[in-house]
Protein backbone atom coordinates (compact mmCIF):
# COMPACT_ATOMS: atom_id res chain seq x y z
CA MET A 1 207.85 -22.82 52.14
CA SER A 2 206.57 -20.60 54.88
CA CYS A 3 203.37 -20.44 56.07
CA ASN A 4 201.49 -16.65 57.04
CA CYS A 5 198.03 -17.58 57.41
CA GLY A 6 198.08 -18.98 60.39
CA GLY A 7 197.35 -22.42 61.78
CA ASN A 8 194.12 -23.09 61.45
CA ASP A 9 193.14 -20.68 58.23
CA CYS A 10 196.35 -22.63 56.61
CA SER A 11 194.85 -25.88 57.20
CA LYS A 12 191.86 -25.19 55.71
CA ASN A 13 193.10 -24.01 52.84
CA SER A 14 195.35 -27.65 52.54
CA ARG A 15 192.01 -29.42 53.05
CA ARG A 16 190.25 -27.48 50.09
CA ASP A 17 193.25 -27.51 47.67
CA PHE A 18 193.95 -31.77 48.48
CA LEU A 19 190.03 -31.83 47.85
CA VAL A 20 189.60 -29.44 44.93
CA THR A 21 193.23 -31.34 43.34
CA SER A 22 191.67 -34.83 44.13
CA LEU A 23 188.62 -34.28 42.37
CA LEU A 24 190.35 -32.85 39.27
CA ALA A 25 192.62 -35.95 39.20
CA THR A 26 189.52 -38.01 39.21
CA ALA A 27 187.71 -37.14 36.32
CA ALA A 28 191.30 -37.01 35.02
CA LEU A 29 192.03 -40.58 35.32
CA ALA A 30 187.61 -41.79 34.52
CA GLY A 31 188.69 -39.06 31.16
CA CYS A 32 191.25 -41.78 30.26
CA SER A 33 189.68 -44.48 31.56
CA ASP A 34 188.22 -47.39 29.19
CA LYS A 35 185.62 -48.18 31.62
CA LYS A 36 182.24 -46.37 31.49
CA ASN A 37 180.28 -44.19 33.79
CA PRO A 38 178.33 -46.87 35.72
CA PHE A 39 175.69 -43.86 36.51
CA ILE A 40 175.05 -43.41 32.24
CA PRO A 41 173.26 -46.18 30.93
CA GLU A 42 174.95 -48.46 28.64
CA ASP A 43 172.34 -48.56 26.14
CA GLU A 44 168.93 -47.15 25.13
CA VAL A 45 165.94 -49.23 26.14
CA VAL A 46 163.87 -50.13 23.37
CA PRO A 47 160.09 -50.35 24.17
CA SER A 48 158.75 -53.81 23.92
CA GLY A 49 155.74 -52.91 23.87
CA GLU A 50 154.45 -55.51 26.09
CA LYS A 51 152.98 -54.13 29.04
CA VAL A 52 153.10 -55.74 32.72
CA LYS A 53 151.27 -54.79 35.35
CA LEU A 54 153.19 -53.61 38.80
CA LEU A 55 151.90 -52.52 41.86
CA SER A 56 154.53 -49.72 43.07
CA VAL A 57 155.29 -48.05 46.92
CA ASP A 58 151.97 -45.86 47.06
CA GLY A 59 149.73 -49.28 46.74
CA GLU A 60 148.43 -48.29 43.38
CA ILE A 61 148.82 -51.21 40.45
CA ILE A 62 150.51 -49.39 37.07
CA GLU A 63 151.37 -50.99 34.01
CA ILE A 64 154.79 -50.41 32.99
CA ASP A 65 156.37 -51.57 29.29
CA LYS A 66 158.56 -55.20 29.95
CA ALA A 67 161.54 -54.12 28.61
CA PHE A 68 162.08 -52.11 31.35
CA LEU A 69 162.29 -54.78 33.67
CA LYS A 70 165.17 -55.62 35.19
CA PRO A 71 166.56 -59.34 35.66
CA VAL A 72 167.30 -60.06 39.66
CA PRO A 73 170.95 -61.12 39.85
CA ASP A 74 171.57 -64.15 41.45
CA LEU A 75 171.79 -63.67 45.36
CA PRO A 76 174.26 -65.30 47.46
CA HIS A 77 173.93 -68.17 49.25
CA LEU A 78 172.55 -67.32 52.68
CA SER A 79 172.75 -69.37 55.77
CA ASN A 80 170.53 -72.03 57.29
CA SER A 81 170.15 -69.26 60.75
CA GLU A 82 168.76 -66.97 58.07
CA GLU A 83 166.50 -69.40 55.97
CA ARG A 84 164.90 -70.60 59.20
CA LYS A 85 164.49 -66.44 59.63
CA GLY A 86 162.39 -65.87 56.92
CA ILE A 87 162.06 -62.37 54.47
CA PRO A 88 161.62 -59.33 56.97
CA GLY A 89 158.27 -57.62 56.92
CA LYS A 90 156.83 -60.53 54.42
CA LYS A 91 153.38 -62.24 55.66
CA PHE A 92 152.87 -64.46 52.46
CA VAL A 93 149.45 -65.72 51.50
CA MET A 94 148.27 -67.81 48.61
CA VAL A 95 144.02 -67.77 47.28
CA ILE A 96 142.54 -70.82 45.34
CA ASP A 97 140.30 -70.03 42.96
CA LEU A 98 138.22 -73.15 42.57
CA ALA A 99 135.79 -71.93 40.36
CA ARG A 100 139.08 -71.01 37.36
CA CYS A 101 140.13 -74.86 38.08
CA LYS A 102 139.95 -77.42 35.30
CA ASN A 103 142.27 -80.65 36.82
CA LEU A 104 145.50 -79.73 34.03
CA ARG A 105 147.45 -80.36 36.83
CA LYS A 106 150.25 -77.89 35.30
CA CYS A 107 150.92 -76.79 38.47
CA GLN A 108 151.30 -80.33 40.13
CA GLU A 109 153.78 -81.03 37.08
CA ALA A 110 155.54 -77.80 37.68
CA CYS A 111 155.78 -78.11 41.11
CA ASN A 112 157.22 -81.87 40.83
CA HIS A 113 160.11 -80.36 38.33
CA MET A 114 161.76 -77.58 40.40
CA HIS A 115 161.25 -80.15 43.49
CA HIS A 116 162.61 -83.20 41.97
CA VAL A 117 159.39 -84.71 43.91
CA HIS A 118 159.89 -88.91 43.71
CA PRO A 119 157.88 -90.09 41.09
CA GLY A 120 154.30 -91.39 42.31
CA GLN A 121 154.08 -88.59 45.25
CA ASN A 122 153.01 -85.27 44.49
CA TRP A 123 153.67 -81.91 47.08
CA ILE A 124 150.39 -80.32 44.95
CA LYS A 125 146.82 -82.58 44.89
CA VAL A 126 143.94 -81.93 42.97
CA LEU A 127 141.35 -83.72 44.55
CA GLY A 128 137.78 -84.11 43.17
CA MET A 129 135.03 -83.16 45.82
CA GLU A 130 131.67 -83.09 46.25
CA ASP A 131 130.04 -80.97 49.52
CA SER A 132 127.01 -83.36 49.62
CA ASP A 133 124.83 -85.57 47.71
CA HIS A 134 123.21 -83.89 44.90
CA THR A 135 125.56 -80.92 44.46
CA ALA A 136 127.80 -80.04 41.99
CA PRO A 137 131.38 -81.50 42.07
CA TYR A 138 134.90 -79.28 41.18
CA TRP A 139 138.00 -79.75 41.59
CA GLN A 140 139.84 -78.48 44.42
CA PRO A 141 144.43 -78.35 44.05
CA THR A 142 145.61 -78.66 47.90
CA THR A 143 148.94 -77.27 48.73
CA CYS A 144 150.44 -77.57 52.34
CA MET A 145 148.14 -74.96 54.58
CA HIS A 146 150.99 -73.13 55.97
CA CYS A 147 149.17 -72.78 59.52
CA ASP A 148 149.96 -69.45 61.23
CA GLU A 149 149.77 -72.12 64.19
CA PRO A 150 151.06 -75.80 62.57
CA PRO A 151 150.10 -78.83 64.44
CA CYS A 152 153.28 -80.64 62.58
CA VAL A 153 156.37 -78.23 63.85
CA LYS A 154 154.02 -78.60 67.43
CA VAL A 155 155.51 -82.49 67.68
CA CYS A 156 158.71 -82.33 65.69
CA PRO A 157 161.19 -83.40 68.38
CA VAL A 158 163.98 -82.02 66.84
CA ASP A 159 162.89 -78.65 65.54
CA ALA A 160 162.90 -80.14 62.04
CA THR A 161 160.10 -78.62 61.24
CA PHE A 162 159.37 -74.83 61.60
CA LYS A 163 157.47 -71.61 61.23
CA ARG A 164 159.09 -68.61 59.75
CA GLN A 165 158.43 -65.10 60.87
CA ASP A 166 157.21 -64.47 56.75
CA GLY A 167 154.29 -67.02 57.48
CA ILE A 168 155.98 -70.21 55.36
CA VAL A 169 156.30 -73.63 57.48
CA LEU A 170 159.10 -75.79 56.12
CA ILE A 171 161.13 -78.60 56.49
CA ASP A 172 164.91 -79.18 57.31
CA SER A 173 166.12 -81.95 55.84
CA ASP A 174 169.10 -81.82 57.66
CA ARG A 175 167.32 -82.06 60.49
CA CYS A 176 165.00 -84.58 59.65
CA ILE A 177 164.79 -87.85 61.68
CA GLY A 178 162.23 -89.77 59.82
CA CYS A 179 159.89 -89.83 62.67
CA ARG A 180 156.59 -88.88 60.93
CA PHE A 181 154.83 -87.34 63.56
CA CYS A 182 154.71 -84.21 61.63
CA MET A 183 152.64 -86.48 58.49
CA ALA A 184 150.24 -87.36 61.92
CA ALA A 185 149.80 -84.56 62.92
CA CYS A 186 149.08 -83.08 59.82
CA PRO A 187 144.74 -82.83 59.13
CA TYR A 188 144.98 -81.40 55.30
CA SER A 189 147.14 -85.09 54.44
CA THR A 190 149.94 -82.64 52.50
CA ARG A 191 153.16 -84.30 53.96
CA VAL A 192 155.00 -87.21 52.34
CA PHE A 193 157.84 -89.05 52.71
CA ASN A 194 160.67 -90.83 50.97
CA TRP A 195 161.27 -93.68 51.35
CA GLU A 196 163.37 -94.30 48.72
CA GLU A 197 166.82 -92.25 47.19
CA PRO A 198 164.98 -89.47 44.81
CA VAL A 199 166.23 -89.68 41.21
CA LEU A 200 168.21 -87.26 40.89
CA PRO A 201 170.83 -85.36 38.05
CA LYS A 202 173.93 -85.02 39.11
CA GLU A 203 174.15 -81.35 39.90
CA VAL A 204 171.20 -81.83 41.80
CA ALA A 205 172.48 -84.04 44.64
CA ASP A 206 175.90 -82.55 44.53
CA GLN A 207 174.73 -78.62 45.66
CA HIS A 208 174.48 -78.08 49.18
CA TYR A 209 171.34 -78.73 50.58
CA SER A 210 168.86 -75.55 51.13
CA CYS A 211 165.68 -75.44 53.56
CA GLU A 212 163.98 -72.90 50.79
CA THR A 213 164.49 -74.72 47.41
CA SER A 214 163.86 -77.96 49.92
CA LEU A 215 166.81 -79.57 47.66
CA PRO A 216 168.70 -82.07 47.40
CA GLN A 217 166.00 -84.30 48.73
CA LYS A 218 166.93 -87.27 51.10
CA LYS A 219 165.99 -90.94 51.54
CA GLY A 220 164.08 -91.40 54.89
CA THR A 221 162.84 -87.91 55.47
CA VAL A 222 159.37 -85.69 54.98
CA GLY A 223 158.38 -83.35 51.67
CA LYS A 224 155.91 -81.16 51.24
CA CYS A 225 154.96 -77.67 49.82
CA ASP A 226 157.14 -74.75 50.41
CA PHE A 227 155.56 -71.94 48.73
CA CYS A 228 158.96 -71.36 46.51
CA PRO A 229 160.87 -69.13 48.88
CA ASP A 230 163.77 -69.36 46.93
CA MET A 231 161.77 -66.96 44.26
CA THR A 232 159.77 -65.02 46.23
CA ARG A 233 163.44 -63.66 47.71
CA LYS A 234 164.28 -63.18 43.76
CA GLY A 235 160.55 -61.51 43.25
CA GLU A 236 158.74 -64.54 41.28
CA LEU A 237 156.12 -66.32 42.01
CA PRO A 238 155.75 -69.49 43.25
CA HIS A 239 156.21 -72.55 40.33
CA CYS A 240 152.38 -73.86 40.48
CA VAL A 241 151.59 -70.18 40.05
CA SER A 242 153.06 -69.21 37.36
CA ALA A 243 152.47 -72.36 35.53
CA CYS A 244 148.84 -72.29 35.97
CA PRO A 245 146.96 -71.01 32.73
CA ASN A 246 143.90 -70.45 34.07
CA GLY A 247 145.36 -68.06 36.86
CA VAL A 248 143.53 -70.48 39.88
CA PHE A 249 146.47 -69.95 42.03
CA PHE A 250 146.99 -65.77 43.29
CA PHE A 251 150.01 -65.03 45.66
CA GLY A 252 151.08 -62.11 47.64
CA ASP A 253 151.90 -60.29 50.65
CA MET A 254 149.57 -59.65 53.55
CA ASN A 255 151.20 -57.46 54.99
CA GLU A 256 150.87 -55.32 51.48
CA ASP A 257 147.06 -56.44 51.16
CA THR A 258 148.19 -57.72 47.41
CA VAL A 259 148.12 -61.24 46.00
CA THR A 260 148.48 -61.91 42.10
CA ASN A 261 148.93 -64.90 39.82
CA GLY A 262 151.48 -62.67 37.40
CA ALA A 263 148.03 -61.23 35.16
CA GLU A 264 145.73 -59.76 37.78
CA THR A 265 146.84 -58.18 41.00
CA PHE A 266 143.77 -57.49 43.17
CA ARG A 267 143.69 -56.32 46.55
CA PHE A 268 143.52 -59.22 49.11
CA SER A 269 141.21 -58.58 51.50
CA GLU A 270 138.57 -56.82 49.24
CA LEU A 271 139.02 -60.21 47.01
CA ILE A 272 138.34 -62.63 49.92
CA ARG A 273 135.32 -60.06 51.25
CA ASP A 274 134.07 -60.00 47.97
CA LYS A 275 134.43 -64.14 46.73
CA ALA A 276 132.91 -65.06 49.89
CA GLY A 277 137.28 -66.62 50.71
CA TYR A 278 137.23 -69.04 53.15
CA ARG A 279 139.82 -71.59 54.99
CA LEU A 280 139.81 -75.67 55.18
CA MET A 281 138.87 -77.06 58.48
CA GLU A 282 138.59 -73.35 60.14
CA ASP A 283 137.49 -75.42 63.09
CA LEU A 284 140.83 -76.98 63.72
CA GLY A 285 141.77 -73.43 64.97
CA THR A 286 144.75 -74.26 62.50
CA LYS A 287 144.95 -70.68 60.93
CA PRO A 288 145.93 -71.62 57.18
CA ARG A 289 147.64 -68.93 54.76
CA VAL A 290 146.03 -70.74 52.04
CA TYR A 291 142.46 -69.49 50.79
CA TYR A 292 139.91 -70.78 48.39
CA LEU A 293 137.40 -68.83 46.39
CA PRO A 294 133.95 -70.77 46.21
CA PRO A 295 133.42 -72.65 43.19
CA VAL A 296 130.68 -70.88 41.37
CA ASN A 297 130.06 -69.25 37.84
CA ARG A 298 132.23 -71.83 36.96
CA ASN A 299 134.51 -71.37 33.60
CA PHE A 300 134.48 -75.26 33.03
CA PRO A 301 132.49 -77.71 33.70
CA TYR A 302 133.68 -80.34 35.80
CA GLN A 303 133.61 -83.43 33.55
CA SER A 304 136.03 -81.41 31.34
CA GLY A 305 138.55 -82.04 33.99
CA LEU A 306 138.49 -86.32 33.76
CA GLU A 307 140.89 -86.64 31.08
CA ASN A 308 143.66 -85.74 33.63
CA GLU A 309 142.45 -88.23 36.38
CA LYS A 310 144.15 -91.56 36.35
CA PRO A 311 141.97 -94.30 36.38
CA GLU A 312 143.02 -95.19 40.35
CA GLU A 313 141.98 -91.65 41.47
CA LYS A 314 138.84 -90.96 39.36
CA THR A 315 136.27 -91.55 41.82
CA LYS A 316 133.30 -89.86 39.67
CA ASN A 317 131.96 -90.68 36.29
């Protein structure tokens, strides 16, 4: 068929006709397809009545029905270099409220279980503390401090211990040679050495090693609290935070100025300012990312936590 409309106009008309035809064909195929339109909700969401608090993009705390939360899908496997970089734009921080601790050790149990920590070792230690004579004792959960100036990183000869851009300090067991220089350099004594083969389920022992999960652990390497970065990638809290029934641990992002224990959410800066937050051994210049709130107006007497102490750990009556 000949064309009398001129080259440019003909080209435009032909392109327009092609697009219209394509759209109509797509619509017809969609109508005949058994697949549902992905832009139409499959089922109407039924409110559960259970409310959860979230932080909006504007920095406001809002409440929504839990039924409207969608589960986070499993994330693809990360390369070692990606794990060592960390999560862009984040600066993770933890706050521990000593007034709430009863030495239940649920934090310790959850950490040990999820990381398959060797029996007899703990990545979280709950210590009975007393600042001086005639002062009231209190319980102090102690984790890795994830220092901004970590001495452990500086002494590692093989770059097995490293600091990520999101503030987390991790150990790469594939590089660790077991020299234990990092253990000697850590002023908080939060690291442990795997003297024996870890007792691991077969599915864990066979999986690909990940710095973010710290699994599977290996004999002759060092282990420690890792802030559960695999959980934070999914938007979930570290295991110690979610396991504590008294809300002792708060975790969040300093860049967003928020921390939460799952039930309560606070502005990090306001919480530290109003509750006189502090860091351990500030004079060392390590700049820990773990802050403590002093044990004032305590929820529980110190003696109520003694029943959870092992005989060899009891230091006070």
